[in-house]
């Protein structure tokens, strides 16, 4: 049995982008963020991925394609249809 991650497929600019909620530590440094992104892309075999983390400030942090991140920055996390994926 693998680890479960909240995820959502979200339409941005006509593309289905997979949002994956990760622990804040998973994106805490540029190296950790790159490592997390590489691992998720390999597991899901997708390139259109945005990592999402919510820290103590409760403001979400998005890591991924800049145009996707710009579109997501004002989207409340509660309005995203989250599910779970096991990896």
N, C-alpha and C. Protein backbone atom coordinates (compact mmCIF):
# COMPACT_ATOMS: atom_id res chain seq x y z
N UNK A 1 0.85 -1.18 0.00
CA UNK A 1 0.00 0.00 0.00
C UNK A 1 0.89 1.24 0.00
N UNK A 2 0.62 2.17 -0.89
CA UNK A 2 1.43 3.37 -1.04
C UNK A 2 0.92 4.52 -0.19
N UNK A 3 1.50 5.65 -0.41
CA UNK A 3 1.11 6.87 0.29
C UNK A 3 -0.03 7.54 -0.48
N UNK A 4 -0.97 8.15 0.23
CA UNK A 4 -2.10 8.83 -0.40
C UNK A 4 -1.85 10.33 -0.46
N UNK A 5 -2.20 10.91 -1.60
CA UNK A 5 -2.05 12.34 -1.80
C UNK A 5 -3.39 12.92 -2.27
N UNK A 6 -3.82 14.06 -1.71
CA UNK A 6 -4.96 14.75 -2.30
C UNK A 6 -4.55 15.25 -3.69
N UNK A 7 -5.43 15.08 -4.66
CA UNK A 7 -5.14 15.54 -6.01
C UNK A 7 -6.43 16.03 -6.66
N UNK A 8 -6.28 16.79 -7.71
CA UNK A 8 -7.42 17.23 -8.50
C UNK A 8 -6.95 17.44 -9.93
N UNK A 9 -7.81 17.10 -10.87
CA UNK A 9 -7.58 17.46 -12.27
C UNK A 9 -8.32 18.76 -12.49
N UNK A 10 -7.59 19.78 -12.92
CA UNK A 10 -8.12 21.14 -13.00
C UNK A 10 -7.85 21.70 -14.39
N UNK A 11 -8.85 22.29 -15.00
CA UNK A 11 -8.71 22.83 -16.35
C UNK A 11 -8.08 24.22 -16.30
N UNK A 12 -6.94 24.35 -16.95
CA UNK A 12 -6.25 25.64 -17.06
C UNK A 12 -5.85 25.82 -18.51
N UNK A 13 -6.31 26.90 -19.10
CA UNK A 13 -5.97 27.23 -20.49
C UNK A 13 -6.28 26.07 -21.44
N UNK A 14 -7.38 25.36 -21.19
CA UNK A 14 -7.78 24.26 -22.06
C UNK A 14 -7.02 22.97 -21.84
N UNK A 15 -6.14 22.93 -20.84
CA UNK A 15 -5.38 21.72 -20.53
C UNK A 15 -5.82 21.18 -19.18
N UNK A 16 -5.79 19.87 -19.05
CA UNK A 16 -6.06 19.25 -17.76
C UNK A 16 -4.75 19.18 -16.99
N UNK A 17 -4.70 19.95 -15.92
CA UNK A 17 -3.50 20.03 -15.07
C UNK A 17 -3.80 19.27 -13.79
N UNK A 18 -2.89 18.39 -13.39
CA UNK A 18 -3.07 17.63 -12.16
C UNK A 18 -2.43 18.40 -11.01
N UNK A 19 -3.26 18.74 -10.02
CA UNK A 19 -2.78 19.40 -8.81
C UNK A 19 -2.58 18.33 -7.75
N UNK A 20 -1.44 18.33 -7.10
CA UNK A 20 -1.15 17.34 -6.07
C UNK A 20 -0.73 18.07 -4.80
N UNK A 21 -1.45 17.79 -3.72
CA UNK A 21 -1.14 18.40 -2.42
C UNK A 21 -0.01 17.60 -1.78
N UNK A 22 1.05 18.31 -1.42
CA UNK A 22 2.21 17.69 -0.77
C UNK A 22 2.48 18.42 0.54
N UNK A 23 3.28 17.79 1.39
CA UNK A 23 3.69 18.42 2.63
C UNK A 23 4.56 19.63 2.31
N UNK A 24 4.49 20.63 3.15
CA UNK A 24 5.27 21.85 2.93
C UNK A 24 6.77 21.53 2.82
N UNK A 25 7.23 20.54 3.56
CA UNK A 25 8.64 20.15 3.51
C UNK A 25 9.03 19.65 2.11
N UNK A 26 8.05 19.15 1.36
CA UNK A 26 8.32 18.63 0.02
C UNK A 26 8.67 19.70 -0.99
N UNK A 27 8.39 20.96 -0.65
CA UNK A 27 8.73 22.07 -1.56
C UNK A 27 9.48 23.18 -0.83
N UNK A 28 10.01 22.87 0.34
CA UNK A 28 10.64 23.88 1.19
C UNK A 28 11.87 24.54 0.57
N UNK A 29 12.60 23.81 -0.24
CA UNK A 29 13.78 24.35 -0.91
C UNK A 29 13.63 24.08 -2.41
N UNK A 30 14.34 24.83 -3.23
CA UNK A 30 14.26 24.54 -4.67
C UNK A 30 14.65 23.09 -5.00
N UNK A 31 15.63 22.55 -4.27
CA UNK A 31 16.05 21.18 -4.51
C UNK A 31 14.95 20.19 -4.14
N UNK A 32 14.31 20.41 -2.99
CA UNK A 32 13.22 19.53 -2.56
C UNK A 32 12.04 19.62 -3.52
N UNK A 33 11.73 20.83 -3.98
CA UNK A 33 10.63 21.01 -4.92
C UNK A 33 10.92 20.29 -6.24
N UNK A 34 12.13 20.40 -6.72
CA UNK A 34 12.51 19.72 -7.97
C UNK A 34 12.44 18.21 -7.81
N UNK A 35 12.91 17.73 -6.68
CA UNK A 35 12.88 16.29 -6.40
C UNK A 35 11.44 15.78 -6.32
N UNK A 36 10.58 16.52 -5.64
CA UNK A 36 9.17 16.15 -5.52
C UNK A 36 8.49 16.16 -6.88
N UNK A 37 8.76 17.19 -7.68
CA UNK A 37 8.14 17.31 -9.00
C UNK A 37 8.59 16.15 -9.89
N UNK A 38 9.88 15.86 -9.89
CA UNK A 38 10.41 14.77 -10.71
C UNK A 38 9.77 13.44 -10.31
N UNK A 39 9.64 13.20 -9.02
CA UNK A 39 9.04 11.95 -8.53
C UNK A 39 7.57 11.85 -8.94
N UNK A 40 6.82 12.92 -8.82
CA UNK A 40 5.39 12.89 -9.18
C UNK A 40 5.21 12.71 -10.68
N UNK A 41 6.02 13.37 -11.48
CA UNK A 41 5.92 13.22 -12.94
C UNK A 41 6.22 11.79 -13.34
N UNK A 42 7.21 11.18 -12.72
CA UNK A 42 7.57 9.80 -13.04
C UNK A 42 6.45 8.83 -12.63
N UNK A 43 5.87 9.05 -11.46
CA UNK A 43 4.82 8.15 -10.99
C UNK A 43 3.54 8.28 -11.79
N UNK A 44 3.18 9.50 -12.14
CA UNK A 44 1.92 9.73 -12.86
C UNK A 44 2.09 9.69 -14.38
N UNK A 45 3.33 9.75 -14.84
CA UNK A 45 3.62 9.78 -16.28
C UNK A 45 2.87 10.92 -16.96
N UNK A 46 2.94 12.09 -16.32
CA UNK A 46 2.33 13.32 -16.83
C UNK A 46 3.31 14.46 -16.67
N UNK A 47 3.18 15.45 -17.55
CA UNK A 47 4.02 16.63 -17.44
C UNK A 47 3.28 17.83 -16.87
N UNK A 48 1.96 17.88 -17.05
CA UNK A 48 1.17 19.03 -16.57
C UNK A 48 0.76 18.81 -15.12
N UNK A 49 1.73 19.07 -14.22
CA UNK A 49 1.53 18.87 -12.79
C UNK A 49 1.88 20.15 -12.05
N UNK A 50 1.07 20.47 -11.04
CA UNK A 50 1.38 21.56 -10.13
C UNK A 50 1.34 20.98 -8.72
N UNK A 51 2.40 21.20 -7.96
CA UNK A 51 2.43 20.78 -6.56
C UNK A 51 1.85 21.91 -5.72
N UNK A 52 1.06 21.53 -4.71
CA UNK A 52 0.40 22.50 -3.85
C UNK A 52 0.75 22.14 -2.41
N UNK A 53 1.12 23.13 -1.62
CA UNK A 53 1.36 22.92 -0.19
C UNK A 53 0.70 24.06 0.57
N UNK A 54 0.21 23.73 1.74
CA UNK A 54 -0.42 24.74 2.58
C UNK A 54 0.34 24.77 3.90
N UNK A 55 0.94 25.92 4.18
CA UNK A 55 1.75 26.05 5.38
C UNK A 55 0.96 26.58 6.55
N UNK A 56 1.66 27.00 7.57
CA UNK A 56 1.02 27.49 8.79
C UNK A 56 0.22 28.77 8.55
N UNK A 57 0.57 29.51 7.52
CA UNK A 57 -0.17 30.74 7.21
C UNK A 57 -1.50 30.42 6.52
N UNK A 58 -1.68 29.14 6.14
CA UNK A 58 -2.87 28.64 5.43
C UNK A 58 -2.97 29.15 4.00
N UNK A 59 -1.99 29.94 3.57
CA UNK A 59 -1.97 30.38 2.17
C UNK A 59 -1.30 29.28 1.34
N UNK A 60 -1.91 28.88 0.23
CA UNK A 60 -1.31 27.82 -0.57
C UNK A 60 -0.07 28.32 -1.33
N UNK A 61 0.87 27.42 -1.50
CA UNK A 61 2.04 27.66 -2.33
C UNK A 61 1.95 26.69 -3.50
N UNK A 62 2.12 27.21 -4.70
CA UNK A 62 2.05 26.41 -5.91
C UNK A 62 3.42 26.34 -6.56
N UNK A 63 3.80 25.14 -7.00
CA UNK A 63 5.07 24.92 -7.68
C UNK A 63 4.76 24.23 -9.01
N UNK A 64 5.26 24.82 -10.09
CA UNK A 64 5.05 24.22 -11.41
C UNK A 64 5.18 25.27 -12.49
N UNK A 65 4.61 24.97 -13.64
CA UNK A 65 4.62 25.86 -14.79
C UNK A 65 4.12 27.24 -14.38
N UNK A 66 4.88 28.29 -14.68
CA UNK A 66 4.55 29.65 -14.23
C UNK A 66 3.16 30.09 -14.67
N UNK A 67 2.76 29.77 -15.89
CA UNK A 67 1.44 30.21 -16.35
C UNK A 67 0.33 29.51 -15.57
N UNK A 68 0.54 28.25 -15.18
CA UNK A 68 -0.45 27.54 -14.37
C UNK A 68 -0.50 28.15 -12.96
N UNK A 69 0.66 28.39 -12.40
CA UNK A 69 0.74 28.96 -11.05
C UNK A 69 0.06 30.33 -11.02
N UNK A 70 0.29 31.15 -12.04
CA UNK A 70 -0.35 32.47 -12.10
C UNK A 70 -1.87 32.36 -12.13
N UNK A 71 -2.39 31.37 -12.85
CA UNK A 71 -3.84 31.18 -12.93
C UNK A 71 -4.42 30.66 -11.61
N UNK A 72 -3.63 29.93 -10.85
CA UNK A 72 -4.12 29.32 -9.61
C UNK A 72 -3.98 30.21 -8.38
N UNK A 73 -3.15 31.23 -8.45
CA UNK A 73 -2.82 31.97 -7.22
C UNK A 73 -4.02 32.60 -6.52
N UNK A 74 -5.11 32.87 -7.21
CA UNK A 74 -6.29 33.45 -6.57
C UNK A 74 -7.44 32.46 -6.42
N UNK A 75 -7.17 31.19 -6.68
CA UNK A 75 -8.20 30.16 -6.56
C UNK A 75 -8.17 29.60 -5.14
N UNK A 76 -9.29 29.72 -4.39
CA UNK A 76 -9.32 29.16 -3.03
C UNK A 76 -9.21 27.63 -3.09
N UNK A 77 -8.43 27.05 -2.19
CA UNK A 77 -8.26 25.60 -2.17
C UNK A 77 -9.60 24.89 -1.99
N UNK A 78 -10.52 25.50 -1.26
CA UNK A 78 -11.82 24.89 -1.03
C UNK A 78 -12.69 24.79 -2.26
N UNK A 79 -12.36 25.53 -3.31
CA UNK A 79 -13.16 25.48 -4.53
C UNK A 79 -12.63 24.45 -5.53
N UNK A 80 -11.55 23.79 -5.18
CA UNK A 80 -10.96 22.77 -6.06
C UNK A 80 -11.54 21.41 -5.67
N UNK A 81 -12.00 20.64 -6.66
CA UNK A 81 -12.61 19.33 -6.36
C UNK A 81 -11.56 18.25 -6.05
N UNK A 82 -11.10 18.20 -4.81
CA UNK A 82 -10.03 17.30 -4.40
C UNK A 82 -10.53 15.87 -4.30
N UNK A 83 -9.68 14.95 -4.70
CA UNK A 83 -9.87 13.52 -4.50
C UNK A 83 -8.59 12.99 -3.89
N UNK A 84 -8.38 11.68 -3.96
CA UNK A 84 -7.12 11.13 -3.46
C UNK A 84 -6.55 10.15 -4.45
N UNK A 85 -5.25 10.12 -4.53
CA UNK A 85 -4.55 9.15 -5.36
C UNK A 85 -3.54 8.45 -4.47
N UNK A 86 -3.40 7.16 -4.68
CA UNK A 86 -2.42 6.39 -3.91
C UNK A 86 -1.23 6.09 -4.80
N UNK A 87 -0.05 6.36 -4.29
CA UNK A 87 1.18 6.11 -5.05
C UNK A 87 2.14 5.29 -4.24
